[in-house]
Amino acid sequence: MARYEAPPNPKRPRRQRGGKFDWTPLIGLLLGLIVTVVAVYLAWQFAQNLLAAPPIDVALPTPTVIQLTAPPSITPTPTAVGLASPTPIFTLTPQPTVDVSSAPEVVTAGYYAAVANTDGAGLSLRGGPSTDNVSLILVAEESVVLILEGPSESSGYSWWKVQLDDGTEGWMAAQYLV
């Protein structure tokens, strides 16, 4: 008759009697411990050597003393002390008024002109005497401007430098000024 044997427990391997002991995990643990101790010892020795190193001698340059001397100063000549002269008072002279009865028939520098012949569109005041220059402002028709200088020929037009009532200066095409 056969003898009954209990089935092996899968949770725990059954060690057989008289079997050999498995040294692999113990050897791995021992080697890891030895490597760690050696690494700590080497790090400690490196730190001790680094901290115990003598300081590096640095030769400092000797400072150079520069003595500055000022150039001889001019001695002022003594002058007689007197009363200060009075400060002149400036007075504004009014600008001469333009006699419109003697105004020229054509646009002339120094006289006033009006914007005209634009069909109500107005005229561009430009930064320079050319249609390539930027338009600063659009001046309404019948506005009066002071002619400063000109004429200057450019871009197929004659140009006059003008000043508006608010002081803005620029250039306008002559054919639209009367």
C-alpha atoms as a PDB file:
ATOM      1  CA  MET A   1       0.000   0.000   0.000  1.00  0.00           C
ATOM      2  CA  ALA A   2       1.027   3.566  -0.736  1.00  0.00           C
ATOM      3  CA  ARG A   3       1.778   6.046   1.871  1.00  0.00           C
ATOM      4  CA  TYR A   4      -0.002   9.410   1.996  1.00  0.00           C
ATOM      5  CA  GLU A   5       2.184  12.522   1.601  1.00  0.00           C
ATOM      6  CA  ALA A   6       0.875  15.998   2.260  1.00  0.00           C
ATOM      7  CA  PRO A   7       1.128  18.304  -0.743  1.00  0.00           C
ATOM      8  CA  PRO A   8       3.919  20.934  -0.518  1.00  0.00           C
ATOM      9  CA  ASN A   9       2.991  24.448   0.704  1.00  0.00           C
ATOM     10  CA  PRO A  10       3.431  26.842  -2.258  1.00  0.00           C
ATOM     11  CA  LYS A  11       4.002  29.818   0.055  1.00  0.00           C
ATOM     12  CA  ARG A  12       7.147  28.482   1.588  1.00  0.00           C
ATOM     13  CA  PRO A  13       9.612  26.325  -0.250  1.00  0.00           C
ATOM     14  CA  ARG A  14      10.346  23.183   1.563  1.00  0.00           C
ATOM     15  CA  ARG A  15      13.913  22.638   2.490  1.00  0.00           C
ATOM     16  CA  GLN A  16      15.087  19.259   2.085  1.00  0.00           C
ATOM     17  CA  ARG A  17      16.953  17.614   4.810  1.00  0.00           C
ATOM     18  CA  GLY A  18      20.612  17.396   4.356  1.00  0.00           C
ATOM     19  CA  GLY A  19      20.541  20.002   1.566  1.00  0.00           C
ATOM     20  CA  LYS A  20      23.145  22.703   1.061  1.00  0.00           C
ATOM     21  CA  PHE A  21      22.684  26.261   2.380  1.00  0.00           C
ATOM     22  CA  ASP A  22      22.314  28.971  -0.334  1.00  0.00           C
ATOM     23  CA  TRP A  23      25.093  31.477   0.320  1.00  0.00           C
ATOM     24  CA  THR A  24      24.321  33.855  -2.651  1.00  0.00           C
ATOM     25  CA  PRO A  25      22.167  36.441  -0.805  1.00  0.00           C
ATOM     26  CA  LEU A  26      24.558  36.558   2.115  1.00  0.00           C
ATOM     27  CA  ILE A  27      27.583  37.048  -0.163  1.00  0.00           C
ATOM     28  CA  GLY A  28      25.802  39.883  -2.074  1.00  0.00           C
ATOM     29  CA  LEU A  29      24.958  41.642   1.180  1.00  0.00           C
ATOM     30  CA  LEU A  30      28.505  41.284   2.466  1.00  0.00           C
ATOM     31  CA  LEU A  31      30.037  42.630  -0.788  1.00  0.00           C
ATOM     32  CA  GLY A  32      27.669  45.646  -0.776  1.00  0.00           C
ATOM     33  CA  LEU A  33      28.668  46.436   2.806  1.00  0.00           C
ATOM     34  CA  ILE A  34      32.384  46.232   1.972  1.00  0.00           C
ATOM     35  CA  VAL A  35      32.024  48.520  -1.101  1.00  0.00           C
ATOM     36  CA  THR A  36      30.090  51.083   0.956  1.00  0.00           C
ATOM     37  CA  VAL A  37      32.689  51.129   3.745  1.00  0.00           C
ATOM     38  CA  VAL A  38      35.548  51.544   1.233  1.00  0.00           C
ATOM     39  CA  ALA A  39      33.723  54.399  -0.582  1.00  0.00           C
ATOM     40  CA  VAL A  40      33.070  56.252   2.688  1.00  0.00           C
ATOM     41  CA  TYR A  41      36.713  55.800   3.731  1.00  0.00           C
ATOM     42  CA  LEU A  42      38.013  57.148   0.387  1.00  0.00           C
ATOM     43  CA  ALA A  43      35.663  60.151   0.522  1.00  0.00           C
ATOM     44  CA  TRP A  44      36.800  60.887   4.063  1.00  0.00           C
ATOM     45  CA  GLN A  45      40.486  60.731   3.045  1.00  0.00           C
ATOM     46  CA  PHE A  46      39.870  62.991   0.030  1.00  0.00           C
ATOM     47  CA  ALA A  47      38.103  65.589   2.196  1.00  0.00           C
ATOM     48  CA  GLN A  48      40.904  65.496   4.794  1.00  0.00           C
ATOM     49  CA  ASN A  49      43.579  66.011   2.120  1.00  0.00           C
ATOM     50  CA  LEU A  50      41.627  68.838   0.537  1.00  0.00           C
ATOM     51  CA  LEU A  51      41.126  70.658   3.838  1.00  0.00           C
ATOM     52  CA  ALA A  52      44.697  70.067   5.019  1.00  0.00           C
ATOM     53  CA  ALA A  53      46.316  71.447   1.835  1.00  0.00           C
ATOM     54  CA  PRO A  54      48.538  74.461   2.522  1.00  0.00           C
ATOM     55  CA  PRO A  55      47.200  77.789   1.222  1.00  0.00           C
ATOM     56  CA  ILE A  56      48.514  79.022  -2.098  1.00  0.00           C
ATOM     57  CA  ASP A  57      50.973  81.885  -1.735  1.00  0.00           C
ATOM     58  CA  VAL A  58      49.904  84.855  -3.812  1.00  0.00           C
ATOM     59  CA  ALA A  59      52.405  87.604  -4.436  1.00  0.00           C
ATOM     60  CA  LEU A  60      50.606  90.915  -4.133  1.00  0.00           C
ATOM     61  CA  PRO A  61      51.976  93.750  -6.253  1.00  0.00           C
ATOM     62  CA  THR A  62      53.341  96.699  -4.366  1.00  0.00           C
ATOM     63  CA  PRO A  63      51.231  99.796  -4.862  1.00  0.00           C
ATOM     64  CA  THR A  64      52.638 102.615  -6.938  1.00  0.00           C
ATOM     65  CA  VAL A  65      52.199 106.043  -5.415  1.00  0.00           C
ATOM     66  CA  ILE A  66      51.457 108.747  -7.941  1.00  0.00           C
ATOM     67  CA  GLN A  67      51.744 112.267  -6.638  1.00  0.00           C
ATOM     68  CA  LEU A  68      49.629 114.727  -8.586  1.00  0.00           C
ATOM     69  CA  THR A  69      50.617 118.340  -8.734  1.00  0.00           C
ATOM     70  CA  ALA A  70      48.360 121.064  -9.996  1.00  0.00           C
ATOM     71  CA  PRO A  71      49.626 123.481 -12.631  1.00  0.00           C
ATOM     72  CA  PRO A  72      50.425 126.915 -11.312  1.00  0.00           C
ATOM     73  CA  SER A  73      47.332 129.029 -11.045  1.00  0.00           C
ATOM     74  CA  ILE A  74      46.992 132.469 -12.474  1.00  0.00           C
ATOM     75  CA  THR A  75      46.939 135.087  -9.778  1.00  0.00           C
ATOM     76  CA  PRO A  76      44.182 137.586 -10.453  1.00  0.00           C
ATOM     77  CA  THR A  77      45.173 141.203 -10.698  1.00  0.00           C
ATOM     78  CA  PRO A  78      43.561 143.286  -8.008  1.00  0.00           C
ATOM     79  CA  THR A  79      40.946 145.665  -9.366  1.00  0.00           C
ATOM     80  CA  ALA A  80      39.326 148.616  -7.787  1.00  0.00           C
ATOM     81  CA  VAL A  81      36.167 147.743  -5.941  1.00  0.00           C
ATOM     82  CA  GLY A  82      33.258 149.824  -7.065  1.00  0.00           C
ATOM     83  CA  LEU A  83      29.562 149.661  -7.533  1.00  0.00           C
ATOM     84  CA  ALA A  84      28.224 147.153  -9.989  1.00  0.00           C
ATOM     85  CA  SER A  85      26.880 148.564 -13.205  1.00  0.00           C
ATOM     86  CA  PRO A  86      23.113 148.363 -13.536  1.00  0.00           C
ATOM     87  CA  THR A  87      21.693 145.492 -15.561  1.00  0.00           C
ATOM     88  CA  PRO A  88      20.007 146.714 -18.726  1.00  0.00           C
ATOM     89  CA  ILE A  89      16.278 146.101 -18.981  1.00  0.00           C
ATOM     90  CA  PHE A  90      15.223 144.619 -22.277  1.00  0.00           C
ATOM     91  CA  THR A  91      12.050 145.819 -23.900  1.00  0.00           C
ATOM     92  CA  LEU A  92      10.156 144.007 -26.606  1.00  0.00           C
ATOM     93  CA  THR A  93       9.861 145.802 -29.859  1.00  0.00           C
ATOM     94  CA  PRO A  94       6.619 145.045 -31.628  1.00  0.00           C
ATOM     95  CA  GLN A  95       6.814 143.438 -35.067  1.00  0.00           C
ATOM     96  CA  PRO A  96       6.002 145.876 -37.802  1.00  0.00           C
ATOM     97  CA  THR A  97       2.544 145.339 -39.176  1.00  0.00           C
ATOM     98  CA  VAL A  98       2.304 144.461 -42.820  1.00  0.00           C
ATOM     99  CA  ASP A  99       0.663 147.142 -44.874  1.00  0.00           C
ATOM    100  CA  VAL A 100      -1.905 145.153 -46.842  1.00  0.00           C
ATOM    101  CA  SER A 101      -2.555 148.091 -49.125  1.00  0.00           C
ATOM    102  CA  SER A 102       0.948 147.646 -50.493  1.00  0.00           C
ATOM    103  CA  ALA A 103       0.867 143.818 -50.494  1.00  0.00           C
ATOM    104  CA  PRO A 104       2.199 142.239 -53.681  1.00  0.00           C
ATOM    105  CA  GLU A 105      -0.125 140.640 -56.206  1.00  0.00           C
ATOM    106  CA  VAL A 106       1.830 137.328 -56.167  1.00  0.00           C
ATOM    107  CA  VAL A 107       2.789 135.111 -53.207  1.00  0.00           C
ATOM    108  CA  THR A 108       5.909 136.562 -51.579  1.00  0.00           C
ATOM    109  CA  ALA A 109       7.979 135.635 -48.514  1.00  0.00           C
ATOM    110  CA  GLY A 110       7.159 137.809 -45.501  1.00  0.00           C
ATOM    111  CA  TYR A 111       3.505 138.234 -46.466  1.00  0.00           C
ATOM    112  CA  TYR A 112       0.320 136.291 -45.792  1.00  0.00           C
ATOM    113  CA  ALA A 113      -1.441 134.024 -48.265  1.00  0.00           C
ATOM    114  CA  ALA A 114      -4.671 132.025 -48.174  1.00  0.00           C
ATOM    115  CA  VAL A 115      -5.316 128.384 -49.107  1.00  0.00           C
ATOM    116  CA  ALA A 116      -7.554 128.343 -52.206  1.00  0.00           C
ATOM    117  CA  ASN A 117      -8.585 126.321 -55.284  1.00  0.00           C
ATOM    118  CA  THR A 118      -8.822 122.950 -53.438  1.00  0.00           C
ATOM    119  CA  ASP A 119     -12.602 122.536 -54.001  1.00  0.00           C
ATOM    120  CA  GLY A 120     -13.050 122.469 -50.229  1.00  0.00           C
ATOM    121  CA  ALA A 121     -10.634 119.540 -49.724  1.00  0.00           C
ATOM    122  CA  GLY A 122      -7.918 121.587 -48.001  1.00  0.00           C
ATOM    123  CA  LEU A 123      -4.158 121.477 -48.516  1.00  0.00           C
ATOM    124  CA  SER A 124      -1.501 119.254 -46.919  1.00  0.00           C
ATOM    125  CA  LEU A 125       1.192 120.935 -44.856  1.00  0.00           C
ATOM    126  CA  ARG A 126       4.285 118.777 -45.467  1.00  0.00           C
ATOM    127  CA  GLY A 127       7.571 118.312 -43.612  1.00  0.00           C
ATOM    128  CA  GLY A 128       9.616 119.223 -46.686  1.00  0.00           C
ATOM    129  CA  PRO A 129       9.221 120.628 -50.210  1.00  0.00           C
ATOM    130  CA  SER A 130       8.139 117.413 -51.962  1.00  0.00           C
ATOM    131  CA  THR A 131       5.159 115.095 -52.277  1.00  0.00           C
ATOM    132  CA  ASP A 132       7.486 112.397 -50.905  1.00  0.00           C
ATOM    133  CA  ASN A 133       7.630 114.157 -47.511  1.00  0.00           C
ATOM    134  CA  VAL A 134       5.190 113.253 -44.759  1.00  0.00           C
ATOM    135  CA  SER A 135       1.968 115.236 -44.488  1.00  0.00           C
ATOM    136  CA  LEU A 136       1.911 116.974 -41.092  1.00  0.00           C
ATOM    137  CA  ILE A 137      -1.627 118.356 -41.119  1.00  0.00           C
ATOM    138  CA  LEU A 138      -4.470 119.103 -43.528  1.00  0.00           C
ATOM    139  CA  VAL A 139      -5.117 122.859 -43.640  1.00  0.00           C
ATOM    140  CA  ALA A 140      -8.684 123.912 -44.472  1.00  0.00           C
ATOM    141  CA  GLU A 141      -9.457 126.035 -47.513  1.00  0.00           C
ATOM    142  CA  GLU A 142      -9.485 129.817 -46.894  1.00  0.00           C
ATOM    143  CA  SER A 143      -7.022 129.419 -43.972  1.00  0.00           C
ATOM    144  CA  VAL A 144      -4.442 132.209 -43.818  1.00  0.00           C
ATOM    145  CA  VAL A 145      -0.734 131.298 -43.570  1.00  0.00           C
ATOM    146  CA  LEU A 146       2.453 133.351 -43.228  1.00  0.00           C
ATOM    147  CA  ILE A 147       4.927 132.764 -46.072  1.00  0.00           C
ATOM    148  CA  LEU A 148       8.406 132.254 -44.559  1.00  0.00           C
ATOM    149  CA  GLU A 149      10.615 131.323 -47.515  1.00  0.00           C
ATOM    150  CA  GLY A 150      10.593 129.915 -51.010  1.00  0.00           C
ATOM    151  CA  PRO A 151       9.733 129.029 -53.606  1.00  0.00           C
ATOM    152  CA  SER A 152      11.502 125.673 -53.994  1.00  0.00           C
ATOM    153  CA  GLU A 153      10.926 123.435 -57.029  1.00  0.00           C
ATOM    154  CA  SER A 154      10.357 119.685 -56.430  1.00  0.00           C
ATOM    155  CA  SER A 155       8.033 116.866 -57.569  1.00  0.00           C
ATOM    156  CA  GLY A 156       6.639 119.034 -60.364  1.00  0.00           C
ATOM    157  CA  TYR A 157       5.422 121.741 -57.936  1.00  0.00           C
ATOM    158  CA  SER A 158       6.674 125.022 -56.535  1.00  0.00           C
ATOM    159  CA  TRP A 159       6.739 124.925 -52.719  1.00  0.00           C
ATOM    160  CA  TRP A 160       6.569 127.658 -50.082  1.00  0.00           C
ATOM    161  CA  LYS A 161       7.620 127.277 -46.463  1.00  0.00           C
ATOM    162  CA  VAL A 162       4.721 128.580 -44.357  1.00  0.00           C
ATOM    163  CA  GLN A 163       3.739 129.062 -40.722  1.00  0.00           C
ATOM    164  CA  LEU A 164       0.230 128.447 -39.374  1.00  0.00           C
ATOM    165  CA  ASP A 165      -1.459 130.543 -36.680  1.00  0.00           C
ATOM    166  CA  ASP A 166      -0.455 127.992 -33.994  1.00  0.00           C
ATOM    167  CA  GLY A 167       3.250 128.233 -34.975  1.00  0.00           C
ATOM    168  CA  THR A 168       3.412 124.958 -36.941  1.00  0.00           C
ATOM    169  CA  GLU A 169       5.812 125.257 -39.871  1.00  0.00           C
ATOM    170  CA  GLY A 170       5.876 123.226 -43.073  1.00  0.00           C
ATOM    171  CA  TRP A 171       5.712 123.348 -46.863  1.00  0.00           C
ATOM    172  CA  MET A 172       2.706 123.897 -49.166  1.00  0.00           C
ATOM    173  CA  ALA A 173       2.302 123.676 -52.936  1.00  0.00           C
ATOM    174  CA  ALA A 174       2.355 127.177 -54.452  1.00  0.00           C
ATOM    175  CA  GLN A 175      -0.524 126.639 -56.917  1.00  0.00           C
ATOM    176  CA  TYR A 176      -3.005 126.460 -53.997  1.00  0.00           C
ATOM    177  CA  LEU A 177      -1.852 129.677 -52.279  1.00  0.00           C
ATOM    178  CA  VAL A 178      -3.241 133.096 -53.238  1.00  0.00           C
END
